[in-house]
Amino acid sequence: MTAILVTLALIFLIVGLLGTILPAIPGLPLMFAGAWLLAYTGDYQIIGTPALIALGILALIGSAMDYVAGLLGAKFTGASKQALWGAFVGGIVGLFFALPGLILGPLVGAALGEFWARRSLLSAGKVGIGTFIGFIIGVVAKVGCALAILLTIAALFIFSLF
């Protein structure tokens, strides 16, 4: 039974790592689930409660950054409320169009919302670019949190050998 749980935990970690890059896969929550399964199979001796709490916080921060970064990018460029709602709606609509939709959805939504609010093409472009930069920063933060989770788990297992 332990071998099955360890295998499942490793699958969760691998699929979770892929999910940090691919849309529609909840990468960081899957990685946390894999870490928790590894801790459970080891009776919380190698990966203890403080480590699980830290990994959970990393997963929460990375997930939040993924959703909030695009909105913050738009807000940083002085976006109107309509642009922020456009980025939000564009992100949701973009889910149905795979990777191009996830990248371009918030950008187009924010630009359309800003154009609707201010009727300025320059302002709409500026907000769209800010949203895109925020999205890229969010993806980088999410990948960084995923790598931190993997490195923490690896370090804990390596240190347990000594």
C-alpha atoms as a PDB file:
ATOM      1  CA  MET A   1       0.000   0.000   0.000  1.00  0.00           C
ATOM      2  CA  THR A   2       2.873   2.357   0.788  1.00  0.00           C
ATOM      3  CA  ALA A   3       4.364   1.865  -2.672  1.00  0.00           C
ATOM      4  CA  ILE A   4       1.054   2.781  -4.275  1.00  0.00           C
ATOM      5  CA  LEU A   5       0.785   5.964  -2.198  1.00  0.00           C
ATOM      6  CA  VAL A   6       4.375   6.964  -2.955  1.00  0.00           C
ATOM      7  CA  THR A   7       3.779   6.360  -6.662  1.00  0.00           C
ATOM      8  CA  LEU A   8       0.584   8.407  -6.510  1.00  0.00           C
ATOM      9  CA  ALA A   9       2.435  11.186  -4.670  1.00  0.00           C
ATOM     10  CA  LEU A  10       5.145  11.271  -7.341  1.00  0.00           C
ATOM     11  CA  ILE A  11       2.497  11.370 -10.069  1.00  0.00           C
ATOM     12  CA  PHE A  12       0.829  14.297  -8.275  1.00  0.00           C
ATOM     13  CA  LEU A  13       4.161  16.114  -8.083  1.00  0.00           C
ATOM     14  CA  ILE A  14       4.960  15.566 -11.766  1.00  0.00           C
ATOM     15  CA  VAL A  15       1.470  16.451 -13.010  1.00  0.00           C
ATOM     16  CA  GLY A  16       1.454  19.442 -10.658  1.00  0.00           C
ATOM     17  CA  LEU A  17       4.751  20.661 -12.080  1.00  0.00           C
ATOM     18  CA  LEU A  18       3.299  20.373 -15.566  1.00  0.00           C
ATOM     19  CA  GLY A  19       0.210  22.196 -14.315  1.00  0.00           C
ATOM     20  CA  THR A  20       2.249  25.249 -13.429  1.00  0.00           C
ATOM     21  CA  ILE A  21       2.875  25.713 -17.133  1.00  0.00           C
ATOM     22  CA  LEU A  22      -0.204  24.122 -18.695  1.00  0.00           C
ATOM     23  CA  PRO A  23      -3.580  25.726 -18.138  1.00  0.00           C
ATOM     24  CA  ALA A  24      -6.561  23.869 -16.668  1.00  0.00           C
ATOM     25  CA  ILE A  25      -4.410  21.746 -14.326  1.00  0.00           C
ATOM     26  CA  PRO A  26      -4.272  22.990 -10.730  1.00  0.00           C
ATOM     27  CA  GLY A  27      -0.503  22.617 -10.471  1.00  0.00           C
ATOM     28  CA  LEU A  28       0.382  23.881  -7.018  1.00  0.00           C
ATOM     29  CA  PRO A  29      -2.546  22.240  -5.195  1.00  0.00           C
ATOM     30  CA  LEU A  30      -1.601  18.927  -6.833  1.00  0.00           C
ATOM     31  CA  MET A  31       1.995  19.398  -5.763  1.00  0.00           C
ATOM     32  CA  PHE A  32       0.891  20.066  -2.186  1.00  0.00           C
ATOM     33  CA  ALA A  33      -1.269  16.941  -2.298  1.00  0.00           C
ATOM     34  CA  GLY A  34       1.773  14.966  -3.469  1.00  0.00           C
ATOM     35  CA  ALA A  35       3.881  16.402  -0.654  1.00  0.00           C
ATOM     36  CA  TRP A  36       1.190  15.551   1.881  1.00  0.00           C
ATOM     37  CA  LEU A  37       0.998  11.961   0.572  1.00  0.00           C
ATOM     38  CA  LEU A  38       4.770  11.644   0.888  1.00  0.00           C
ATOM     39  CA  ALA A  39       4.579  12.976   4.437  1.00  0.00           C
ATOM     40  CA  TYR A  40       1.755  10.568   5.255  1.00  0.00           C
ATOM     41  CA  THR A  41       3.606   7.545   3.886  1.00  0.00           C
ATOM     42  CA  GLY A  42       6.644   8.459   5.960  1.00  0.00           C
ATOM     43  CA  ASP A  43       4.550   8.927   9.132  1.00  0.00           C
ATOM     44  CA  TYR A  44       5.444  12.634   9.067  1.00  0.00           C
ATOM     45  CA  GLN A  45       9.011  11.797  10.102  1.00  0.00           C
ATOM     46  CA  ILE A  46      10.796  13.231   7.054  1.00  0.00           C
ATOM     47  CA  ILE A  47       8.245  15.835   6.015  1.00  0.00           C
ATOM     48  CA  GLY A  48       6.778  17.101   9.271  1.00  0.00           C
ATOM     49  CA  THR A  49       4.032  19.525  10.125  1.00  0.00           C
ATOM     50  CA  PRO A  50       6.171  22.693   9.911  1.00  0.00           C
ATOM     51  CA  ALA A  51       7.391  21.674   6.453  1.00  0.00           C
ATOM     52  CA  LEU A  52       3.837  20.908   5.306  1.00  0.00           C
ATOM     53  CA  ILE A  53       2.658  24.281   6.571  1.00  0.00           C
ATOM     54  CA  ALA A  54       5.492  25.996   4.688  1.00  0.00           C
ATOM     55  CA  LEU A  55       4.688  24.032   1.520  1.00  0.00           C
ATOM     56  CA  GLY A  56       1.017  24.909   1.879  1.00  0.00           C
ATOM     57  CA  ILE A  57       1.868  28.594   2.219  1.00  0.00           C
ATOM     58  CA  LEU A  58       4.056  28.369  -0.895  1.00  0.00           C
ATOM     59  CA  ALA A  59       1.211  26.726  -2.803  1.00  0.00           C
ATOM     60  CA  LEU A  60      -1.247  29.403  -1.668  1.00  0.00           C
ATOM     61  CA  ILE A  61       1.081  32.264  -2.546  1.00  0.00           C
ATOM     62  CA  GLY A  62       1.845  30.820  -5.971  1.00  0.00           C
ATOM     63  CA  SER A  63      -1.828  30.186  -6.729  1.00  0.00           C
ATOM     64  CA  ALA A  64      -2.817  33.669  -5.589  1.00  0.00           C
ATOM     65  CA  MET A  65      -0.069  35.280  -7.670  1.00  0.00           C
ATOM     66  CA  ASP A  66      -1.282  33.406 -10.710  1.00  0.00           C
ATOM     67  CA  TYR A  67      -4.763  34.885 -10.401  1.00  0.00           C
ATOM     68  CA  VAL A  68      -3.912  38.335  -9.089  1.00  0.00           C
ATOM     69  CA  ALA A  69      -0.814  39.282 -11.089  1.00  0.00           C
ATOM     70  CA  GLY A  70      -2.665  40.156 -14.289  1.00  0.00           C
ATOM     71  CA  LEU A  71      -5.082  42.359 -12.402  1.00  0.00           C
ATOM     72  CA  LEU A  72      -2.212  44.046 -10.570  1.00  0.00           C
ATOM     73  CA  GLY A  73      -0.428  44.644 -13.871  1.00  0.00           C
ATOM     74  CA  ALA A  74      -3.526  46.363 -15.206  1.00  0.00           C
ATOM     75  CA  LYS A  75      -4.001  48.359 -12.001  1.00  0.00           C
ATOM     76  CA  PHE A  76      -0.343  49.471 -12.036  1.00  0.00           C
ATOM     77  CA  THR A  77      -0.870  51.074 -15.446  1.00  0.00           C
ATOM     78  CA  GLY A  78      -3.782  53.130 -14.133  1.00  0.00           C
ATOM     79  CA  ALA A  79      -6.554  50.928 -15.436  1.00  0.00           C
ATOM     80  CA  SER A  80     -10.181  51.805 -14.889  1.00  0.00           C
ATOM     81  CA  LYS A  81     -12.653  49.535 -13.115  1.00  0.00           C
ATOM     82  CA  GLN A  82     -13.998  48.464 -16.494  1.00  0.00           C
ATOM     83  CA  ALA A  83     -10.504  47.371 -17.535  1.00  0.00           C
ATOM     84  CA  LEU A  84     -10.071  45.331 -14.351  1.00  0.00           C
ATOM     85  CA  TRP A  85     -13.401  43.641 -14.926  1.00  0.00           C
ATOM     86  CA  GLY A  86     -12.410  43.140 -18.564  1.00  0.00           C
ATOM     87  CA  ALA A  87      -9.193  41.407 -17.491  1.00  0.00           C
ATOM     88  CA  PHE A  88     -11.156  39.176 -15.121  1.00  0.00           C
ATOM     89  CA  VAL A  89     -13.794  38.264 -17.722  1.00  0.00           C
ATOM     90  CA  GLY A  90     -11.126  37.857 -20.408  1.00  0.00           C
ATOM     91  CA  GLY A  91      -9.266  35.417 -18.191  1.00  0.00           C
ATOM     92  CA  ILE A  92     -12.387  33.341 -17.673  1.00  0.00           C
ATOM     93  CA  VAL A  93     -13.323  33.379 -21.364  1.00  0.00           C
ATOM     94  CA  GLY A  94      -9.713  32.570 -22.226  1.00  0.00           C
ATOM     95  CA  LEU A  95      -9.990  29.287 -20.325  1.00  0.00           C
ATOM     96  CA  PHE A  96     -12.073  27.920 -23.191  1.00  0.00           C
ATOM     97  CA  PHE A  97      -9.417  28.694 -25.803  1.00  0.00           C
ATOM     98  CA  ALA A  98      -6.455  26.768 -24.363  1.00  0.00           C
ATOM     99  CA  LEU A  99      -3.046  28.406 -23.983  1.00  0.00           C
ATOM    100  CA  PRO A 100      -3.547  31.278 -26.473  1.00  0.00           C
ATOM    101  CA  GLY A 101      -6.815  32.155 -24.769  1.00  0.00           C
ATOM    102  CA  LEU A 102      -5.242  32.139 -21.325  1.00  0.00           C
ATOM    103  CA  ILE A 103      -2.488  34.447 -22.466  1.00  0.00           C
ATOM    104  CA  LEU A 104      -4.499  36.762 -24.682  1.00  0.00           C
ATOM    105  CA  GLY A 105      -7.847  36.667 -22.812  1.00  0.00           C
ATOM    106  CA  PRO A 106      -6.913  38.962 -19.910  1.00  0.00           C
ATOM    107  CA  LEU A 107      -4.919  41.230 -22.238  1.00  0.00           C
ATOM    108  CA  VAL A 108      -7.784  41.664 -24.706  1.00  0.00           C
ATOM    109  CA  GLY A 109     -10.382  41.940 -21.930  1.00  0.00           C
ATOM    110  CA  ALA A 110      -8.441  44.658 -20.133  1.00  0.00           C
ATOM    111  CA  ALA A 111      -7.800  46.568 -23.353  1.00  0.00           C
ATOM    112  CA  LEU A 112     -11.473  46.384 -24.369  1.00  0.00           C
ATOM    113  CA  GLY A 113     -12.614  47.444 -20.896  1.00  0.00           C
ATOM    114  CA  GLU A 114     -10.223  50.378 -20.886  1.00  0.00           C
ATOM    115  CA  PHE A 115     -11.246  51.417 -24.391  1.00  0.00           C
ATOM    116  CA  TRP A 116     -14.896  51.228 -23.371  1.00  0.00           C
ATOM    117  CA  ALA A 117     -14.230  53.400 -20.293  1.00  0.00           C
ATOM    118  CA  ARG A 118     -11.943  56.059 -21.775  1.00  0.00           C
ATOM    119  CA  ARG A 119     -12.275  55.756 -25.561  1.00  0.00           C
ATOM    120  CA  SER A 120      -8.505  56.031 -25.881  1.00  0.00           C
ATOM    121  CA  LEU A 121      -6.671  53.465 -27.965  1.00  0.00           C
ATOM    122  CA  LEU A 122      -3.315  54.433 -26.429  1.00  0.00           C
ATOM    123  CA  SER A 123      -4.628  53.975 -22.893  1.00  0.00           C
ATOM    124  CA  ALA A 124      -6.232  50.656 -23.843  1.00  0.00           C
ATOM    125  CA  GLY A 125      -2.966  49.391 -25.321  1.00  0.00           C
ATOM    126  CA  LYS A 126      -1.008  50.483 -22.263  1.00  0.00           C
ATOM    127  CA  VAL A 127      -3.407  48.650 -19.925  1.00  0.00           C
ATOM    128  CA  GLY A 128      -3.372  45.557 -22.156  1.00  0.00           C
ATOM    129  CA  ILE A 129       0.425  45.426 -22.092  1.00  0.00           C
ATOM    130  CA  GLY A 130       0.447  45.950 -18.312  1.00  0.00           C
ATOM    131  CA  THR A 131      -1.975  43.057 -17.907  1.00  0.00           C
ATOM    132  CA  PHE A 132       0.198  40.824 -20.070  1.00  0.00           C
ATOM    133  CA  ILE A 133       3.330  41.704 -18.087  1.00  0.00           C
ATOM    134  CA  GLY A 134       1.449  40.975 -14.866  1.00  0.00           C
ATOM    135  CA  PHE A 135       0.385  37.613 -16.279  1.00  0.00           C
ATOM    136  CA  ILE A 136       3.983  36.726 -17.134  1.00  0.00           C
ATOM    137  CA  ILE A 137       5.114  37.725 -13.640  1.00  0.00           C
ATOM    138  CA  GLY A 138       2.356  35.541 -12.178  1.00  0.00           C
ATOM    139  CA  VAL A 139       3.476  32.522 -14.209  1.00  0.00           C
ATOM    140  CA  VAL A 140       7.097  33.065 -13.176  1.00  0.00           C
ATOM    141  CA  ALA A 141       6.043  33.303  -9.513  1.00  0.00           C
ATOM    142  CA  LYS A 142       3.977  30.122  -9.839  1.00  0.00           C
ATOM    143  CA  VAL A 143       6.859  28.213 -11.429  1.00  0.00           C
ATOM    144  CA  GLY A 144       9.206  29.554  -8.746  1.00  0.00           C
ATOM    145  CA  CYS A 145       6.893  28.321  -5.990  1.00  0.00           C
ATOM    146  CA  ALA A 146       6.653  24.923  -7.695  1.00  0.00           C
ATOM    147  CA  LEU A 147      10.430  24.636  -7.864  1.00  0.00           C
ATOM    148  CA  ALA A 148      10.698  25.708  -4.226  1.00  0.00           C
ATOM    149  CA  ILE A 149       8.258  22.949  -3.264  1.00  0.00           C
ATOM    150  CA  LEU A 150      10.254  20.344  -5.178  1.00  0.00           C
ATOM    151  CA  LEU A 151      13.586  21.525  -3.804  1.00  0.00           C
ATOM    152  CA  THR A 152      12.228  21.556  -0.244  1.00  0.00           C
ATOM    153  CA  ILE A 153      10.964  17.990  -0.565  1.00  0.00           C
ATOM    154  CA  ALA A 154      14.258  16.843  -2.112  1.00  0.00           C
ATOM    155  CA  ALA A 155      16.295  18.597   0.586  1.00  0.00           C
ATOM    156  CA  LEU A 156      14.214  17.062   3.362  1.00  0.00           C
ATOM    157  CA  PHE A 157      14.706  13.579   1.946  1.00  0.00           C
ATOM    158  CA  ILE A 158      18.445  14.129   1.383  1.00  0.00           C
ATOM    159  CA  PHE A 159      18.924  15.467   4.932  1.00  0.00           C
ATOM    160  CA  SER A 160      17.026  12.498   6.336  1.00  0.00           C
ATOM    161  CA  LEU A 161      19.753  10.199   4.982  1.00  0.00           C
ATOM    162  CA  PHE A 162      22.346  11.703   7.303  1.00  0.00           C
END
